Amino acid sequence: MTKKTTTGKLLTEVELELMNSIWKIKEGSVADVIETLPSDRQLAYTSVSTILRILEQKGVLKSRKEGRGHTYIPLLSKSDYEAKTVQHVVNKVFDGTPTALVKQLLSSVDLTDEDLESIKKMISDKERA
């Protein structure tokens, strides 16, 4: 079976939920991933296993056989996925205009003074680079 790449495709909501678990624990089995889910999130073992195998086929995870099961390891870093997602949102939602995204962020998200100072510092650092 050939591996697909995730180029241009964002993860589904449940795929992202499971990837967030994998990113948090660095690597793990199906049982490890289930353990990281909120207690009110009821996903069957077989469902999690199937989704992790799909993520492996997409080239987002790799697996290592351990006993009767597998340990899943991320091939795509969280920061790389975040960057890809932001690029997608800028291009598809904000017509390729990053300033429109920033304007919407500033007007629709309650930012603390600390958040604003952090953003200002990032902009200042970017200007100096």
C-alpha atoms as a PDB file:
ATOM      1  CA  MET A   1       0.000   0.000   0.000  1.00  0.00           C
ATOM      2  CA  THR A   2       1.399   3.399  -0.913  1.00  0.00           C
ATOM      3  CA  LYS A   3       1.379   6.222   1.576  1.00  0.00           C
ATOM      4  CA  LYS A   4      -0.501   9.362   0.717  1.00  0.00           C
ATOM      5  CA  THR A   5       0.809  12.715   1.783  1.00  0.00           C
ATOM      6  CA  THR A   6      -1.194  15.318   3.640  1.00  0.00           C
ATOM      7  CA  THR A   7      -0.105  18.109   1.314  1.00  0.00           C
ATOM      8  CA  GLY A   8      -3.001  20.497   0.893  1.00  0.00           C
ATOM      9  CA  LYS A   9      -5.316  18.469   3.137  1.00  0.00           C
ATOM     10  CA  LEU A  10      -6.246  19.363   6.671  1.00  0.00           C
ATOM     11  CA  LEU A  11      -7.016  16.678   9.211  1.00  0.00           C
ATOM     12  CA  THR A  12     -10.603  15.881  10.118  1.00  0.00           C
ATOM     13  CA  GLU A  13     -11.811  16.910  13.562  1.00  0.00           C
ATOM     14  CA  VAL A  14     -11.375  13.423  15.053  1.00  0.00           C
ATOM     15  CA  GLU A  15      -8.008  12.913  13.312  1.00  0.00           C
ATOM     16  CA  LEU A  16      -6.801  16.194  14.818  1.00  0.00           C
ATOM     17  CA  GLU A  17      -8.124  15.185  18.232  1.00  0.00           C
ATOM     18  CA  LEU A  18      -6.106  11.955  18.107  1.00  0.00           C
ATOM     19  CA  MET A  19      -3.018  13.714  16.705  1.00  0.00           C
ATOM     20  CA  ASN A  20      -3.177  16.188  19.595  1.00  0.00           C
ATOM     21  CA  SER A  21      -3.082  13.187  21.926  1.00  0.00           C
ATOM     22  CA  ILE A  22      -0.102  11.670  20.093  1.00  0.00           C
ATOM     23  CA  TRP A  23       1.738  15.018  20.060  1.00  0.00           C
ATOM     24  CA  LYS A  24       1.117  15.332  23.813  1.00  0.00           C
ATOM     25  CA  ILE A  25       2.469  11.858  24.679  1.00  0.00           C
ATOM     26  CA  LYS A  26       5.159  11.855  21.916  1.00  0.00           C
ATOM     27  CA  GLU A  27       4.300   8.262  20.891  1.00  0.00           C
ATOM     28  CA  GLY A  28       1.870   5.634  22.061  1.00  0.00           C
ATOM     29  CA  SER A  29      -0.406   2.678  21.515  1.00  0.00           C
ATOM     30  CA  VAL A  30      -4.131   2.802  20.840  1.00  0.00           C
ATOM     31  CA  ALA A  31      -4.716   2.319  24.584  1.00  0.00           C
ATOM     32  CA  ASP A  32      -2.305   5.174  25.393  1.00  0.00           C
ATOM     33  CA  VAL A  33      -4.181   7.500  23.045  1.00  0.00           C
ATOM     34  CA  ILE A  34      -7.563   6.522  24.504  1.00  0.00           C
ATOM     35  CA  GLU A  35      -6.198   7.208  27.996  1.00  0.00           C
ATOM     36  CA  THR A  36      -5.390  10.823  27.049  1.00  0.00           C
ATOM     37  CA  LEU A  37      -8.922  11.559  25.844  1.00  0.00           C
ATOM     38  CA  PRO A  38     -11.330  13.382  28.187  1.00  0.00           C
ATOM     39  CA  SER A  39     -13.401  10.968  30.289  1.00  0.00           C
ATOM     40  CA  ASP A  40     -16.598  12.100  28.570  1.00  0.00           C
ATOM     41  CA  ARG A  41     -15.124  11.312  25.136  1.00  0.00           C
ATOM     42  CA  GLN A  42     -16.179   7.762  24.406  1.00  0.00           C
ATOM     43  CA  LEU A  43     -14.381   6.336  21.371  1.00  0.00           C
ATOM     44  CA  ALA A  44     -14.216   2.589  20.830  1.00  0.00           C
ATOM     45  CA  TYR A  45     -10.791   0.954  20.750  1.00  0.00           C
ATOM     46  CA  THR A  46     -11.471  -0.228  17.187  1.00  0.00           C
ATOM     47  CA  SER A  47     -12.431   3.282  16.080  1.00  0.00           C
ATOM     48  CA  VAL A  48      -9.232   4.805  17.486  1.00  0.00           C
ATOM     49  CA  SER A  49      -7.198   1.982  15.938  1.00  0.00           C
ATOM     50  CA  THR A  50      -8.811   2.546  12.535  1.00  0.00           C
ATOM     51  CA  ILE A  51      -8.243   6.311  12.642  1.00  0.00           C
ATOM     52  CA  LEU A  52      -4.597   5.876  13.656  1.00  0.00           C
ATOM     53  CA  ARG A  53      -4.078   3.467  10.744  1.00  0.00           C
ATOM     54  CA  ILE A  54      -5.682   6.039   8.396  1.00  0.00           C
ATOM     55  CA  LEU A  55      -3.282   8.681   9.746  1.00  0.00           C
ATOM     56  CA  GLU A  56      -0.433   6.283   9.082  1.00  0.00           C
ATOM     57  CA  GLN A  57      -1.644   5.758   5.496  1.00  0.00           C
ATOM     58  CA  LYS A  58      -1.758   9.535   5.078  1.00  0.00           C
ATOM     59  CA  GLY A  59       1.883   9.738   6.130  1.00  0.00           C
ATOM     60  CA  VAL A  60       1.159  11.669   9.325  1.00  0.00           C
ATOM     61  CA  LEU A  61       2.142   8.816  11.654  1.00  0.00           C
ATOM     62  CA  LYS A  62       4.381   5.799  11.484  1.00  0.00           C
ATOM     63  CA  SER A  63       3.999   2.670  13.563  1.00  0.00           C
ATOM     64  CA  ARG A  64       6.318   0.254  15.244  1.00  0.00           C
ATOM     65  CA  LYS A  65       5.102  -3.286  15.962  1.00  0.00           C
ATOM     66  CA  GLU A  66       5.321  -4.119  19.648  1.00  0.00           C
ATOM     67  CA  GLY A  67       3.976  -7.496  20.713  1.00  0.00           C
ATOM     68  CA  ARG A  68       0.442  -7.835  19.447  1.00  0.00           C
ATOM     69  CA  GLY A  69      -0.031  -4.098  19.011  1.00  0.00           C
ATOM     70  CA  HIS A  70       1.577  -1.039  17.513  1.00  0.00           C
ATOM     71  CA  THR A  71       3.162   2.110  18.860  1.00  0.00           C
ATOM     72  CA  TYR A  72       2.339   5.195  16.797  1.00  0.00           C
ATOM     73  CA  ILE A  73       4.890   7.970  16.299  1.00  0.00           C
ATOM     74  CA  PRO A  74       4.143  11.336  14.682  1.00  0.00           C
ATOM     75  CA  LEU A  75       5.905  12.139  11.411  1.00  0.00           C
ATOM     76  CA  LEU A  76       4.240  15.555  11.205  1.00  0.00           C
ATOM     77  CA  SER A  77       5.113  17.959  14.020  1.00  0.00           C
ATOM     78  CA  LYS A  78       2.426  20.006  15.714  1.00  0.00           C
ATOM     79  CA  SER A  79       4.162  23.244  14.720  1.00  0.00           C
ATOM     80  CA  ASP A  80       4.337  22.162  11.053  1.00  0.00           C
ATOM     81  CA  TYR A  81       0.629  21.315  11.116  1.00  0.00           C
ATOM     82  CA  GLU A  82      -0.195  24.633  12.799  1.00  0.00           C
ATOM     83  CA  ALA A  83       1.736  26.516  10.094  1.00  0.00           C
ATOM     84  CA  LYS A  84       0.003  24.560   7.326  1.00  0.00           C
ATOM     85  CA  THR A  85      -3.400  25.221   8.895  1.00  0.00           C
ATOM     86  CA  VAL A  86      -2.774  28.964   9.266  1.00  0.00           C
ATOM     87  CA  GLN A  87      -1.595  29.150   5.641  1.00  0.00           C
ATOM     88  CA  HIS A  88      -4.775  27.325   4.592  1.00  0.00           C
ATOM     89  CA  VAL A  89      -6.995  29.705   6.593  1.00  0.00           C
ATOM     90  CA  VAL A  90      -5.224  32.795   5.238  1.00  0.00           C
ATOM     91  CA  ASN A  91      -5.510  31.545   1.652  1.00  0.00           C
ATOM     92  CA  LYS A  92      -9.000  30.040   1.723  1.00  0.00           C
ATOM     93  CA  VAL A  93     -10.875  32.123   4.275  1.00  0.00           C
ATOM     94  CA  PHE A  94      -9.099  35.487   4.114  1.00  0.00           C
ATOM     95  CA  ASP A  95      -8.359  35.542   0.367  1.00  0.00           C
ATOM     96  CA  GLY A  96      -4.602  35.394   0.901  1.00  0.00           C
ATOM     97  CA  THR A  97      -4.564  38.483   3.125  1.00  0.00           C
ATOM     98  CA  PRO A  98      -2.849  37.821   6.470  1.00  0.00           C
ATOM     99  CA  THR A  99      -3.797  41.266   7.782  1.00  0.00           C
ATOM    100  CA  ALA A 100      -7.474  40.318   7.469  1.00  0.00           C
ATOM    101  CA  LEU A 101      -6.796  37.311   9.698  1.00  0.00           C
ATOM    102  CA  VAL A 102      -5.026  39.482  12.276  1.00  0.00           C
ATOM    103  CA  LYS A 103      -7.851  42.064  12.188  1.00  0.00           C
ATOM    104  CA  GLN A 104     -10.408  39.312  12.793  1.00  0.00           C
ATOM    105  CA  LEU A 105      -8.304  37.835  15.601  1.00  0.00           C
ATOM    106  CA  LEU A 106      -8.036  41.215  17.326  1.00  0.00           C
ATOM    107  CA  SER A 107     -11.754  41.916  17.032  1.00  0.00           C
ATOM    108  CA  SER A 108     -13.188  38.494  17.858  1.00  0.00           C
ATOM    109  CA  VAL A 109     -10.895  36.997  20.501  1.00  0.00           C
ATOM    110  CA  ASP A 110     -10.596  38.342  24.027  1.00  0.00           C
ATOM    111  CA  LEU A 111      -6.878  39.005  24.272  1.00  0.00           C
ATOM    112  CA  THR A 112      -5.277  39.842  27.587  1.00  0.00           C
ATOM    113  CA  ASP A 113      -2.776  42.659  27.968  1.00  0.00           C
ATOM    114  CA  GLU A 114      -0.149  39.929  28.212  1.00  0.00           C
ATOM    115  CA  ASP A 115      -1.318  38.445  24.886  1.00  0.00           C
ATOM    116  CA  LEU A 116      -1.134  41.851  23.220  1.00  0.00           C
ATOM    117  CA  GLU A 117       2.363  42.527  24.594  1.00  0.00           C
ATOM    118  CA  SER A 118       3.491  39.122  23.357  1.00  0.00           C
ATOM    119  CA  ILE A 119       2.078  39.834  19.882  1.00  0.00           C
ATOM    120  CA  LYS A 120       3.756  43.250  19.800  1.00  0.00           C
ATOM    121  CA  LYS A 121       7.083  41.643  20.738  1.00  0.00           C
ATOM    122  CA  MET A 122       6.704  39.019  17.986  1.00  0.00           C
ATOM    123  CA  ILE A 123       6.041  41.779  15.433  1.00  0.00           C
ATOM    124  CA  SER A 124       9.011  43.800  16.680  1.00  0.00           C
ATOM    125  CA  ASP A 125      11.261  40.730  16.535  1.00  0.00           C
ATOM    126  CA  LYS A 126      10.042  39.961  12.988  1.00  0.00           C
ATOM    127  CA  GLU A 127      10.758  43.544  11.869  1.00  0.00           C
ATOM    128  CA  ARG A 128      14.337  43.281  13.177  1.00  0.00           C
ATOM    129  CA  ALA A 129      14.975  39.933  11.466  1.00  0.00           C
END
